[in-house]
Amino acid sequence: RSGCSRGIDAQLSADGAAMINDVLLPDEVRKYIRDHGIDVAITSVLNGVIKDMPADPMERIVCEVARHSAAPPSFLALKRDPSSPPTDLKFDLFVAARGQRVRLHLLALGSCLVPVKDGASRSASKEAEPDPAEVALQRLRKIGEVTRLQSFVEDFFAQAFGQSFVDDFLGFRSRCAGLADAPCPGGFTFEVGRATATLTEELLVAATLATSTTRLEYLQQQLSKRGARCSPALSGPSDFATWRARWPRIAMPVFHGGGPSVLRPPALRCCAALSPFALGSAAEASPAAFRELAVNCPAMGWVASAGAALQRAAGEAVKILQADKASAALAVDGIAYGHAGGLLKTLELTQEAVKRAAGEAAVHESCGVLLAAAEQAWVEGEDVYELETGKKLALEQLVDFYSVLAESGWLRMIVRPFREVDMSAGCELLRARRPELWLVADPEEDDANARSAPEGAAGYSRGLHLSGSAAEAIDRYAELEPRWREAGGCAVCAFLDTEAASTLPSALDVAASFGQTEGLLL
C-alpha cells in the first residue's frame, strides 16, 4: 500500500468519532443526532469509503448506511413467475432489505383455484366430443382470465402489503381482506379463506427468511410483542434438554363413544397421545460424537411417524374388538366403539392398542387423553351425569370416577370433564384428588364471555382450536392467554381438524410457540 493510503489509515484510526462543531447546532438537533447515533454512523461510513476508495463510492455509502438501519425488511411486490403454467399462480416475492431489492421466495396460490362441480356439464360432455377448435378457444380464454387474476394478485399485494414490515405478522390476515374482490376464471371458484391461509403461510416462510429466524422463533417474537406468554428459546443443542418434556404430544382418537357402545356421549373419545420420542430420537441417525446431544432431539419426520402410529393404534383397537365374539359388534365400519366393560376398560384397551401398534417402548412415551363431552352425558331433570349407560353419577361421584380412571397415571388429560356450569366446582374437587391431571374447557360458543376465564377457573385450562391461518391462531392465543394466565392457562390442549391441517402446515410451530401446550389433538 502507498504511503498516502497508510497516512489515511492513521488519520481515520479514530473511527466513529463524534461530529465536529456540533456545538453550533440547536440543542434539539444535537440531541436527536446523538440519541440516534447519526454522527457516529455517518462518520464510520465515510471513513470506510475514504479508506477503501471503491469504484462506486455512492453505492458503498448507500449500502453501508442501510446496515445501520434498525427497521426490519419490508415487502415490496409479487411478480408472476413466467416459467410456470398460469393456473399454478406462482409468484416471485420481493422484499427490501438494507436498501436492496431482494427476490426472497417463490410462492404459489394455485391450490386456491377450485373447479366448479357441475354434474350437468359433465354428463353433457359424455354425449358429444367437443370440437377441437372450441377447446383451443376455451383454453385461450381461460389463460386470459387467469392472467387477469395474476394481475389482480400483483396489484392487490402492492396495495395491501407494499412497504409493510415482515415482522407485522399479526396484521397479515386483515391485509388479505381485498382477496374477496379477486376476478375468478370461468369454471373455477377462488376460495378466499384458503387463499388467506395459504398467502399468510407463504409470507410466514418469507418473513423467517428475511429475518434469519426459524418459524418457531419468529412466532415466539410475535407473541412476546403482544405480551402473551410463549415457550422458551430453541436456538441450539443446549436447549434440547429443556425442550425434552415441552414438545406437544400428537393425539388422535382410538375408541369412540355413542353408537353401539355403553359410553353414552356420541362425542366422547378415548385418545392416545405420543411424544416426539415414542418412536425414537435423532440419536439413532446421528454420528457417535453427537449422540449424547441428539438423544433429547426428536427424529426427523416424527410428526408423520406419530400420526401413522396412532392410525395403526385405531386399527388395532378394531382388531381387539373383533377378536372376541362378545365385542365384535362394537367394531363398525372401521371404527372401534367403547368396550362393554365401560370407560376404564376402554382406556386400558387404548393403551394396549398403542402397544400393539408402536411397541412397548412407545407406551412409556404415551399418555391418555379423554374427550369426555360431559355436557352430552348430563341427564336433564335428574341432575346427574350418565357417561356409561345405566350408571348415573352426581357431581361428587363423577369426580370420584375420574379419579379412578387416572389412578394408573396413564390418563393425563380430560377435556370437557363437566358441563360448563359445573366446571369450576368439579375441577377444583378433581384437582385436589389428582393435581397432575390436566383439565381443559372447550367452550362451544365463542362469545365475549367465553374468552375470559370465569371466576374460580384456577383448576382448569382453556383449549384452543387452530383454524383459518397461522396469523389467526397466533392472534387468538395472544388475546386469550393473558385472560387465562392466572387461571389454569390457555392452549394446554390445541385442536386441529382435517380441513385446518390442509391449510396450516405450520400448526406444530404454532402450538409449540404457545406457553404450555401439552397436546395437539388431530
Protein backbone atom coordinates (compact mmCIF):
# COMPACT_ATOMS: atom_id res chain seq x y z
CA ARG A 1 0.00 0.00 0.00
CA SER A 2 1.14 3.59 -0.68
CA GLY A 3 2.33 5.97 1.97
CA CYS A 4 -0.69 8.13 1.24
CA SER A 5 -3.01 5.22 1.99
CA ARG A 6 -1.16 4.41 5.21
CA GLY A 7 -1.47 8.05 6.20
CA ILE A 8 -5.20 7.94 5.63
CA ASP A 9 -5.40 4.84 7.83
CA ALA A 10 -3.65 6.71 10.60
CA GLN A 11 -5.89 9.73 10.30
CA LEU A 12 -9.01 7.56 10.34
CA SER A 13 -7.95 5.48 13.31
CA ALA A 14 -10.49 7.33 15.42
CA ASP A 15 -13.31 5.63 13.52
CA GLY A 16 -16.69 6.58 14.88
CA ALA A 17 -15.66 9.93 16.33
CA ALA A 18 -18.45 12.39 17.06
CA MET A 19 -19.44 15.19 14.67
CA ILE A 20 -17.09 18.18 14.65
CA ASN A 21 -18.51 21.58 15.69
CA ASP A 22 -21.81 20.09 16.80
CA VAL A 23 -21.96 22.90 19.36
CA LEU A 24 -23.10 25.16 16.52
CA LEU A 25 -26.30 23.15 16.13
CA PRO A 26 -29.53 23.83 18.04
CA ASP A 27 -29.87 21.78 21.22
CA GLU A 28 -32.82 19.67 19.96
CA VAL A 29 -30.98 18.83 16.72
CA ARG A 30 -27.79 17.91 18.57
CA LYS A 31 -29.78 15.70 20.97
CA TYR A 32 -31.59 13.95 18.10
CA ILE A 33 -28.28 13.24 16.32
CA ARG A 34 -26.69 11.82 19.44
CA ASP A 35 -29.77 9.80 20.53
CA HIS A 36 -29.85 8.00 17.19
CA GLY A 37 -26.09 7.72 16.76
CA ILE A 38 -26.26 9.52 13.40
CA ASP A 39 -22.89 11.25 13.80
CA VAL A 40 -21.07 8.05 14.70
CA ALA A 41 -22.73 6.02 11.91
CA ILE A 42 -22.09 8.57 9.14
CA THR A 43 -18.51 9.17 10.27
CA SER A 44 -17.87 5.42 10.28
CA VAL A 45 -19.33 5.03 6.77
CA LEU A 46 -17.36 7.93 5.28
CA ASN A 47 -14.16 6.74 6.94
CA GLY A 48 -14.64 3.31 5.38
CA VAL A 49 -15.25 4.76 1.91
CA ILE A 50 -12.18 7.02 2.08
CA LYS A 51 -10.10 4.15 3.38
CA ASP A 52 -11.12 1.63 0.66
CA MET A 53 -11.76 4.12 -2.20
CA PRO A 54 -14.26 1.86 -4.02
CA ALA A 55 -15.05 2.40 -7.72
CA ASP A 56 -18.62 3.47 -6.87
CA PRO A 57 -18.44 5.35 -3.58
CA MET A 58 -22.14 6.34 -3.58
CA GLU A 59 -23.27 2.71 -3.84
CA ARG A 60 -20.98 1.83 -0.93
CA ILE A 61 -22.35 4.70 1.14
CA VAL A 62 -25.97 3.66 0.47
CA CYS A 63 -25.26 0.02 1.37
CA GLU A 64 -23.28 0.86 4.50
CA VAL A 65 -25.85 3.34 5.78
CA ALA A 66 -28.57 0.73 5.25
CA ARG A 67 -26.68 -1.67 7.52
CA HIS A 68 -27.18 0.74 10.40
CA SER A 69 -30.96 0.68 9.98
CA ALA A 70 -32.87 -0.88 12.85
CA ALA A 71 -36.01 -1.32 10.73
CA PRO A 72 -36.82 -4.88 9.63
CA PRO A 73 -37.07 -5.80 5.94
CA SER A 74 -40.31 -4.86 4.20
CA PHE A 75 -42.40 -6.49 1.47
CA LEU A 76 -42.23 -4.89 -1.94
CA ALA A 77 -44.05 -6.84 -4.65
CA LEU A 78 -45.23 -10.09 -6.15
CA LYS A 79 -44.22 -10.74 -9.75
CA ARG A 80 -45.65 -13.67 -11.70
CA ASP A 81 -43.25 -16.49 -12.43
CA PRO A 82 -43.09 -16.70 -16.25
CA SER A 83 -41.70 -20.24 -16.20
CA SER A 84 -44.81 -21.72 -14.52
CA PRO A 85 -48.23 -22.54 -16.03
CA PRO A 86 -50.66 -19.65 -15.42
CA THR A 87 -53.07 -21.77 -13.35
CA ASP A 88 -50.30 -22.53 -10.84
CA LEU A 89 -50.50 -18.86 -9.77
CA LYS A 90 -46.82 -18.79 -8.87
CA PHE A 91 -45.16 -15.51 -7.96
CA ASP A 92 -41.69 -14.31 -7.04
CA LEU A 93 -41.77 -12.38 -3.77
CA PHE A 94 -39.51 -9.34 -3.48
CA VAL A 95 -38.54 -7.60 -0.26
CA ALA A 96 -36.48 -4.52 0.60
CA ALA A 97 -33.65 -5.47 2.93
CA ARG A 98 -30.98 -2.98 3.97
CA GLY A 99 -31.57 -0.82 0.95
CA GLN A 100 -31.55 -3.72 -1.50
CA ARG A 101 -34.36 -5.23 -3.58
CA VAL A 102 -34.15 -8.98 -2.97
CA ARG A 103 -36.05 -11.85 -4.60
CA LEU A 104 -36.70 -13.89 -1.50
CA HIS A 105 -39.29 -16.59 -2.12
CA LEU A 106 -41.39 -18.34 -4.77
CA LEU A 107 -44.99 -18.74 -3.58
CA ALA A 108 -47.95 -20.50 -5.18
CA LEU A 109 -51.68 -19.81 -4.83
CA GLY A 110 -52.87 -22.36 -7.39
CA SER A 111 -54.49 -24.51 -4.69
CA CYS A 112 -56.99 -21.69 -4.11
CA LEU A 113 -58.47 -22.15 -7.61
CA VAL A 114 -61.11 -24.85 -7.21
CA PRO A 115 -63.04 -26.20 -10.23
CA VAL A 116 -66.79 -25.71 -10.05
CA LYS A 117 -68.58 -29.04 -9.74
CA ASP A 118 -71.28 -29.15 -12.40
CA GLY A 119 -72.73 -32.60 -12.96
CA ALA A 120 -74.92 -31.42 -15.84
CA SER A 121 -72.00 -30.14 -17.86
CA ARG A 122 -70.05 -33.33 -17.22
CA SER A 123 -72.89 -35.56 -18.41
CA ALA A 124 -73.36 -33.44 -21.49
CA SER A 125 -69.68 -33.75 -22.34
CA LYS A 126 -70.08 -37.54 -22.49
CA GLU A 127 -72.75 -37.33 -25.17
CA ALA A 128 -70.69 -35.48 -27.75
CA GLU A 129 -67.00 -34.98 -28.34
CA PRO A 130 -66.10 -31.29 -28.09
CA ASP A 131 -64.88 -29.50 -31.19
CA PRO A 132 -61.03 -29.23 -31.01
CA ALA A 133 -61.16 -25.63 -32.19
CA GLU A 134 -63.68 -24.79 -29.47
CA VAL A 135 -61.48 -26.50 -26.85
CA ALA A 136 -58.48 -24.45 -28.01
CA LEU A 137 -60.54 -21.25 -27.90
CA GLN A 138 -61.79 -22.03 -24.38
CA ARG A 139 -58.22 -22.69 -23.29
CA LEU A 140 -57.09 -19.33 -24.62
CA ARG A 141 -59.97 -17.64 -22.83
CA LYS A 142 -59.11 -19.41 -19.59
CA ILE A 143 -55.45 -18.38 -19.87
CA GLY A 144 -56.58 -14.81 -20.42
CA GLU A 145 -58.84 -14.97 -17.37
CA VAL A 146 -56.07 -16.44 -15.22
CA THR A 147 -53.73 -13.73 -16.49
CA ARG A 148 -56.23 -11.14 -15.25
CA LEU A 149 -56.26 -12.94 -11.90
CA GLN A 150 -52.45 -12.84 -11.81
CA SER A 151 -52.51 -9.11 -12.48
CA PHE A 152 -55.10 -8.66 -9.75
CA VAL A 153 -52.92 -10.54 -7.22
CA GLU A 154 -49.89 -8.41 -8.11
CA ASP A 155 -51.86 -5.17 -7.73
CA PHE A 156 -53.57 -6.39 -4.56
CA PHE A 157 -50.25 -7.30 -2.94
CA ALA A 158 -48.66 -3.96 -3.85
CA GLN A 159 -51.55 -2.07 -2.25
CA ALA A 160 -52.09 -4.32 0.79
CA PHE A 161 -48.53 -5.35 1.64
CA GLY A 162 -46.22 -2.95 -0.20
CA GLN A 163 -43.76 -1.32 2.24
CA SER A 164 -45.22 -3.24 5.20
CA PHE A 165 -42.64 -4.75 7.55
CA VAL A 166 -42.14 -8.50 7.51
CA ASP A 167 -42.47 -8.67 11.29
CA ASP A 168 -46.06 -7.38 11.21
CA PHE A 169 -47.33 -10.96 11.12
CA LEU A 170 -50.47 -10.36 13.16
CA GLY A 171 -51.57 -7.80 10.60
CA PHE A 172 -51.22 -10.16 7.63
CA ARG A 173 -54.73 -11.60 7.90
CA SER A 174 -56.53 -8.25 7.88
CA ARG A 175 -54.44 -7.14 4.90
CA CYS A 176 -55.81 -10.12 2.95
CA ALA A 177 -59.39 -8.81 3.02
CA GLY A 178 -59.04 -7.47 -0.53
CA LEU A 179 -58.73 -11.01 -1.90
CA ALA A 180 -62.52 -11.16 -1.84
CA ASP A 181 -62.52 -8.97 -4.95
CA ALA A 182 -60.43 -11.41 -7.00
CA PRO A 183 -61.78 -11.99 -10.55
CA CYS A 184 -62.39 -15.71 -10.90
CA PRO A 185 -61.80 -17.62 -14.16
CA GLY A 186 -64.85 -19.35 -15.66
CA GLY A 187 -65.38 -22.83 -14.28
CA PHE A 188 -63.49 -22.06 -11.07
CA THR A 189 -64.12 -20.60 -7.66
CA PHE A 190 -61.43 -18.70 -5.79
CA GLU A 191 -61.63 -19.75 -2.14
CA VAL A 192 -60.85 -16.60 -0.19
CA GLY A 193 -60.43 -18.37 3.14
CA ARG A 194 -57.97 -20.84 1.67
CA ALA A 195 -56.21 -18.03 -0.22
CA THR A 196 -55.82 -16.03 3.00
CA ALA A 197 -54.43 -19.05 4.89
CA THR A 198 -52.14 -20.01 2.01
CA LEU A 199 -50.80 -16.50 1.47
CA THR A 200 -50.13 -15.91 5.18
CA GLU A 201 -48.35 -19.28 5.40
CA GLU A 202 -46.18 -18.37 2.42
CA LEU A 203 -45.47 -14.94 3.89
CA LEU A 204 -44.55 -16.60 7.18
CA VAL A 205 -41.87 -18.58 5.34
CA ALA A 206 -40.67 -15.40 3.61
CA ALA A 207 -40.61 -13.46 6.90
CA THR A 208 -38.43 -16.08 8.58
CA LEU A 209 -36.04 -15.99 5.62
CA ALA A 210 -35.92 -12.20 5.71
CA THR A 211 -35.26 -12.08 9.46
CA SER A 212 -32.94 -15.12 9.59
CA THR A 213 -35.11 -16.86 12.18
CA THR A 214 -36.85 -20.20 12.45
CA ARG A 215 -40.64 -20.31 12.23
CA LEU A 216 -40.80 -21.11 15.94
CA GLU A 217 -38.53 -18.21 16.88
CA TYR A 218 -40.45 -15.80 14.66
CA LEU A 219 -43.82 -16.82 16.15
CA GLN A 220 -42.43 -16.54 19.67
CA GLN A 221 -41.34 -13.00 18.87
CA GLN A 222 -44.85 -12.18 17.67
CA LEU A 223 -46.37 -13.42 20.93
CA SER A 224 -43.82 -11.52 23.01
CA LYS A 225 -44.71 -8.31 21.17
CA ARG A 226 -48.33 -8.83 22.24
CA GLY A 227 -47.38 -9.55 25.84
CA ALA A 228 -48.50 -13.18 25.65
CA ARG A 229 -46.57 -15.98 27.32
CA CYS A 230 -44.57 -18.05 24.85
CA SER A 231 -42.38 -21.15 25.04
CA PRO A 232 -38.64 -20.92 25.83
CA ALA A 233 -36.00 -20.47 23.16
CA LEU A 234 -34.99 -23.36 20.94
CA SER A 235 -31.94 -21.99 19.19
CA GLY A 236 -29.37 -24.76 19.56
CA PRO A 237 -28.37 -28.11 21.09
CA SER A 238 -28.05 -26.53 24.54
CA ASP A 239 -31.84 -26.04 24.53
CA PHE A 240 -32.71 -29.67 23.69
CA ALA A 241 -32.78 -30.83 27.31
CA THR A 242 -35.20 -28.05 28.29
CA TRP A 243 -37.47 -28.95 25.41
CA ARG A 244 -37.38 -32.72 26.06
CA ALA A 245 -40.55 -32.55 28.13
CA ARG A 246 -42.06 -29.47 26.45
CA TRP A 247 -42.76 -30.75 22.95
CA PRO A 248 -46.51 -31.02 22.27
CA ARG A 249 -47.69 -34.61 22.06
CA ILE A 250 -49.63 -35.66 18.98
CA ALA A 251 -53.01 -37.15 19.93
CA MET A 252 -55.71 -38.97 17.95
CA PRO A 253 -58.90 -40.88 18.87
CA VAL A 254 -58.63 -44.65 19.26
CA PHE A 255 -62.05 -45.55 20.75
CA HIS A 256 -65.34 -43.70 20.24
CA GLY A 257 -68.42 -43.15 22.35
CA GLY A 258 -72.02 -43.34 21.13
CA GLY A 259 -73.14 -45.89 18.54
CA PRO A 260 -73.43 -49.42 19.97
CA SER A 261 -71.18 -48.51 22.90
CA VAL A 262 -72.14 -48.25 26.57
CA LEU A 263 -70.32 -44.91 26.52
CA ARG A 264 -73.30 -42.65 26.13
CA PRO A 265 -71.95 -39.29 24.77
CA PRO A 266 -71.54 -39.52 20.96
CA ALA A 267 -68.65 -37.02 21.09
CA LEU A 268 -66.72 -38.97 23.73
CA ARG A 269 -63.28 -40.09 22.55
CA CYS A 270 -60.55 -42.15 24.20
CA CYS A 271 -57.39 -40.77 22.62
CA ALA A 272 -53.74 -41.74 22.75
CA ALA A 273 -51.03 -39.07 22.69
CA LEU A 274 -47.46 -39.82 21.60
CA SER A 275 -44.43 -37.74 22.49
CA PRO A 276 -41.80 -36.97 19.82
CA PHE A 277 -39.65 -39.71 21.38
CA ALA A 278 -42.22 -42.50 21.31
CA LEU A 279 -40.62 -43.94 18.18
CA GLY A 280 -37.01 -42.96 18.92
CA SER A 281 -34.89 -39.82 18.79
CA ALA A 282 -32.41 -38.16 16.46
CA ALA A 283 -29.59 -40.01 18.25
CA GLU A 284 -30.14 -43.16 16.17
CA ALA A 285 -29.29 -41.33 12.94
CA SER A 286 -26.52 -39.13 14.40
CA PRO A 287 -22.74 -39.64 14.36
CA ALA A 288 -21.33 -41.05 17.59
CA ALA A 289 -19.88 -37.67 18.61
CA PHE A 290 -23.35 -36.05 18.61
CA ARG A 291 -25.49 -38.84 20.04
CA GLU A 292 -25.42 -37.59 23.60
CA LEU A 293 -26.87 -34.25 22.49
CA ALA A 294 -29.24 -35.76 19.94
CA VAL A 295 -30.91 -38.05 22.48
CA ASN A 296 -33.04 -35.06 23.50
CA CYS A 297 -33.82 -34.07 19.90
CA PRO A 298 -36.83 -35.52 18.03
CA ALA A 299 -36.13 -37.58 14.94
CA MET A 300 -36.77 -36.08 11.52
CA GLY A 301 -40.36 -36.63 10.43
CA TRP A 302 -41.55 -37.52 13.91
CA VAL A 303 -44.98 -35.88 13.47
CA ALA A 304 -45.80 -38.02 10.42
CA SER A 305 -44.44 -41.11 12.19
CA ALA A 306 -46.50 -40.44 15.30
CA GLY A 307 -49.63 -39.83 13.21
CA ALA A 308 -49.11 -43.09 11.33
CA ALA A 309 -48.58 -44.99 14.60
CA LEU A 310 -51.78 -43.57 16.07
CA GLN A 311 -53.72 -44.54 12.95
CA ARG A 312 -52.35 -48.05 13.36
CA ALA A 313 -53.45 -47.96 17.00
CA ALA A 314 -57.01 -47.16 15.91
CA GLY A 315 -56.81 -50.15 13.56
CA GLU A 316 -55.51 -52.36 16.37
CA ALA A 317 -58.44 -51.28 18.52
CA VAL A 318 -60.81 -52.62 15.87
CA LYS A 319 -58.89 -55.92 15.78
CA ILE A 320 -59.03 -56.21 19.57
CA LEU A 321 -62.81 -55.92 19.50
CA GLN A 322 -63.20 -58.27 16.53
CA ALA A 323 -61.07 -60.94 18.22
CA ASP A 324 -63.81 -61.54 20.81
CA LYS A 325 -67.31 -62.55 19.72
CA ALA A 326 -68.77 -60.68 22.69
CA SER A 327 -67.30 -57.37 21.49
CA ALA A 328 -67.10 -57.87 17.72
CA ALA A 329 -70.30 -55.87 17.15
CA LEU A 330 -68.58 -52.83 18.66
CA ALA A 331 -66.33 -52.54 15.58
CA VAL A 332 -68.42 -50.78 12.94
CA ASP A 333 -67.15 -49.54 9.57
CA GLY A 334 -63.56 -49.50 10.80
CA ILE A 335 -64.39 -47.57 13.98
CA ALA A 336 -63.83 -49.02 17.44
CA TYR A 337 -66.58 -48.12 19.91
CA GLY A 338 -66.18 -48.25 23.68
CA HIS A 339 -65.94 -51.67 25.32
CA ALA A 340 -68.91 -53.09 27.23
CA GLY A 341 -66.69 -53.14 30.31
CA GLY A 342 -67.01 -49.37 30.48
CA LEU A 343 -64.69 -46.40 30.28
CA LEU A 344 -61.93 -47.81 32.49
CA LYS A 345 -61.71 -50.97 30.36
CA THR A 346 -61.78 -48.88 27.18
CA LEU A 347 -58.85 -46.76 28.38
CA GLU A 348 -56.91 -49.93 29.18
CA LEU A 349 -57.59 -51.21 25.66
CA THR A 350 -56.48 -47.85 24.24
CA GLN A 351 -53.13 -48.34 25.92
CA GLU A 352 -52.97 -51.91 24.62
CA ALA A 353 -53.69 -50.72 21.09
CA VAL A 354 -50.73 -48.30 21.30
CA LYS A 355 -48.50 -51.14 22.48
CA ARG A 356 -49.52 -53.34 19.56
CA ALA A 357 -49.15 -50.53 17.03
CA ALA A 358 -45.87 -48.97 18.19
CA GLY A 359 -44.25 -51.31 20.71
CA GLU A 360 -43.75 -51.43 24.46
CA ALA A 361 -41.26 -48.54 24.46
CA ALA A 362 -43.82 -46.25 22.85
CA VAL A 363 -46.28 -46.85 25.70
CA HIS A 364 -43.83 -45.23 28.13
CA GLU A 365 -43.74 -42.15 25.87
CA SER A 366 -47.53 -42.03 25.54
CA CYS A 367 -50.44 -40.92 27.65
CA GLY A 368 -54.22 -40.94 27.51
CA VAL A 369 -56.48 -38.02 26.64
CA LEU A 370 -60.19 -38.33 27.35
CA LEU A 371 -62.67 -36.13 25.49
CA ALA A 372 -65.44 -36.65 28.00
CA ALA A 373 -68.13 -34.48 26.33
CA ALA A 374 -69.78 -34.29 29.75
CA GLU A 375 -72.50 -31.90 28.55
CA GLN A 376 -73.84 -34.79 26.42
CA ALA A 377 -73.80 -37.05 29.48
CA TRP A 378 -75.96 -34.69 31.52
CA VAL A 379 -79.44 -36.02 32.24
CA GLU A 380 -81.77 -33.05 32.37
CA GLY A 381 -84.37 -33.22 35.12
CA GLU A 382 -82.40 -35.75 37.16
CA ASP A 383 -79.34 -33.54 37.72
CA VAL A 384 -76.89 -36.38 37.14
CA TYR A 385 -74.22 -37.39 34.61
CA GLU A 386 -74.50 -40.65 32.69
CA LEU A 387 -71.19 -41.31 30.93
CA GLU A 388 -71.88 -45.06 30.96
CA THR A 389 -75.38 -46.22 30.16
CA GLY A 390 -77.25 -47.07 33.35
CA LYS A 391 -74.67 -45.53 35.70
CA LYS A 392 -75.90 -42.16 36.87
CA LEU A 393 -73.49 -40.04 38.88
CA ALA A 394 -73.83 -36.83 40.85
CA LEU A 395 -71.03 -34.27 40.55
CA GLU A 396 -69.02 -35.62 43.51
CA GLN A 397 -69.46 -39.21 42.26
CA LEU A 398 -68.23 -38.20 38.81
CA VAL A 399 -65.14 -36.68 40.43
CA ASP A 400 -64.52 -40.00 42.19
CA PHE A 401 -64.99 -41.83 38.88
CA TYR A 402 -62.43 -39.66 37.08
CA SER A 403 -60.01 -40.16 39.96
CA VAL A 404 -60.23 -43.91 39.49
CA LEU A 405 -59.67 -43.58 35.73
CA ALA A 406 -56.47 -41.58 36.38
CA GLU A 407 -55.15 -43.85 39.13
CA SER A 408 -52.68 -45.72 36.91
CA GLY A 409 -51.10 -42.45 35.77
CA TRP A 410 -51.58 -43.08 32.04
CA LEU A 411 -54.61 -40.79 31.69
CA ARG A 412 -53.11 -37.29 31.77
CA MET A 413 -55.80 -35.00 30.35
CA ILE A 414 -59.59 -34.74 30.38
CA VAL A 415 -61.31 -32.31 28.04
CA ARG A 416 -64.81 -31.07 28.95
CA PRO A 417 -64.99 -33.23 32.12
CA PHE A 418 -68.06 -31.37 33.37
CA ARG A 419 -70.77 -29.23 31.86
CA GLU A 420 -69.93 -25.53 31.83
CA VAL A 421 -71.82 -24.56 34.99
CA ASP A 422 -70.03 -27.29 36.96
CA MET A 423 -66.50 -26.72 35.59
CA SER A 424 -65.16 -24.56 38.41
CA ALA A 425 -66.56 -26.65 41.27
CA GLY A 426 -65.88 -30.03 39.63
CA CYS A 427 -62.32 -29.19 38.58
CA GLU A 428 -61.48 -27.83 42.00
CA LEU A 429 -62.55 -31.11 43.57
CA LEU A 430 -60.79 -33.24 40.98
CA ARG A 431 -57.52 -31.27 41.08
CA ALA A 432 -57.46 -31.76 44.85
CA ARG A 433 -57.52 -35.51 44.21
CA ARG A 434 -55.37 -35.62 41.06
CA PRO A 435 -53.21 -32.47 40.85
CA GLU A 436 -51.17 -33.96 37.98
CA LEU A 437 -54.24 -34.20 35.75
CA TRP A 438 -54.78 -31.55 33.08
CA LEU A 439 -58.42 -30.43 32.91
CA VAL A 440 -59.49 -28.49 29.85
CA ALA A 441 -62.56 -26.43 29.00
CA ASP A 442 -63.57 -26.22 25.35
CA PRO A 443 -66.36 -23.64 25.05
CA GLU A 444 -68.72 -24.38 22.18
CA GLU A 445 -69.86 -20.76 21.95
CA ASP A 446 -67.01 -18.37 21.16
CA ASP A 447 -68.62 -15.27 22.61
CA ALA A 448 -67.05 -12.50 24.64
CA ASN A 449 -67.87 -14.27 27.92
CA ALA A 450 -66.10 -17.46 26.84
CA ARG A 451 -62.89 -15.55 26.07
CA SER A 452 -62.20 -14.58 29.67
CA ALA A 453 -61.51 -17.01 32.48
CA PRO A 454 -64.58 -17.24 34.72
CA GLU A 455 -64.29 -16.79 38.45
CA GLY A 456 -62.95 -19.97 40.05
CA ALA A 457 -61.23 -21.23 36.87
CA ALA A 458 -57.87 -21.81 38.56
CA GLY A 459 -58.44 -25.56 38.36
CA TYR A 460 -58.66 -25.83 34.59
CA SER A 461 -57.26 -24.56 31.31
CA ARG A 462 -58.90 -23.33 28.12
CA GLY A 463 -58.49 -25.31 24.91
CA LEU A 464 -57.72 -23.57 21.62
CA HIS A 465 -58.82 -24.54 18.12
CA LEU A 466 -56.27 -23.88 15.39
CA SER A 467 -58.26 -22.78 12.37
CA GLY A 468 -58.01 -20.37 9.48
CA SER A 469 -54.46 -19.11 9.15
CA ALA A 470 -51.38 -19.21 11.36
CA ALA A 471 -51.76 -15.45 11.91
CA GLU A 472 -55.34 -16.00 13.12
CA ALA A 473 -54.24 -18.74 15.54
CA ILE A 474 -51.41 -16.62 16.96
CA ASP A 475 -53.71 -13.62 17.28
CA ARG A 476 -56.34 -15.73 19.04
CA TYR A 477 -53.85 -17.08 21.55
CA ALA A 478 -52.38 -13.63 22.16
CA GLU A 479 -55.89 -12.40 23.00
CA LEU A 480 -56.82 -15.29 25.30
CA GLU A 481 -53.57 -16.13 27.12
CA PRO A 482 -53.37 -13.05 29.36
CA ARG A 483 -57.01 -13.53 30.36
CA TRP A 484 -56.37 -17.13 31.41
CA ARG A 485 -52.86 -16.74 32.81
CA GLU A 486 -53.97 -16.52 36.42
CA ALA A 487 -56.42 -19.37 35.92
CA GLY A 488 -55.30 -22.74 34.55
CA GLY A 489 -53.66 -21.35 31.42
CA CYS A 490 -54.58 -21.33 27.76
CA ALA A 491 -53.99 -23.84 24.93
CA VAL A 492 -52.80 -26.69 27.14
CA CYS A 493 -54.69 -28.67 24.51
CA ALA A 494 -54.76 -27.39 20.92
CA PHE A 495 -57.22 -28.85 18.41
CA LEU A 496 -56.54 -29.23 14.69
CA ASP A 497 -59.18 -30.68 12.38
CA THR A 498 -58.53 -32.20 8.96
CA GLU A 499 -59.64 -29.13 7.00
CA ALA A 500 -57.47 -26.78 9.04
CA ALA A 501 -54.47 -29.12 8.76
CA SER A 502 -54.58 -28.84 4.96
CA THR A 503 -54.10 -25.05 5.08
CA LEU A 504 -51.96 -24.79 8.22
CA PRO A 505 -48.63 -26.59 7.64
CA SER A 506 -47.10 -24.53 10.44
CA ALA A 507 -49.56 -25.93 13.02
CA LEU A 508 -46.87 -27.66 15.08
CA ASP A 509 -44.74 -24.49 15.19
CA VAL A 510 -47.81 -22.51 16.21
CA ALA A 511 -48.66 -24.94 19.02
CA ALA A 512 -45.02 -25.17 20.10
CA SER A 513 -44.77 -21.38 20.36
CA PHE A 514 -47.57 -21.28 22.94
CA GLY A 515 -46.55 -21.12 26.57
CA GLN A 516 -47.71 -24.53 27.81
CA THR A 517 -49.27 -26.69 25.08
CA GLU A 518 -49.23 -30.32 26.18
CA GLY A 519 -51.09 -31.90 23.29
CA LEU A 520 -52.06 -31.26 19.67
CA LEU A 521 -55.24 -33.21 19.07
CA LEU A 522 -55.92 -34.23 15.48
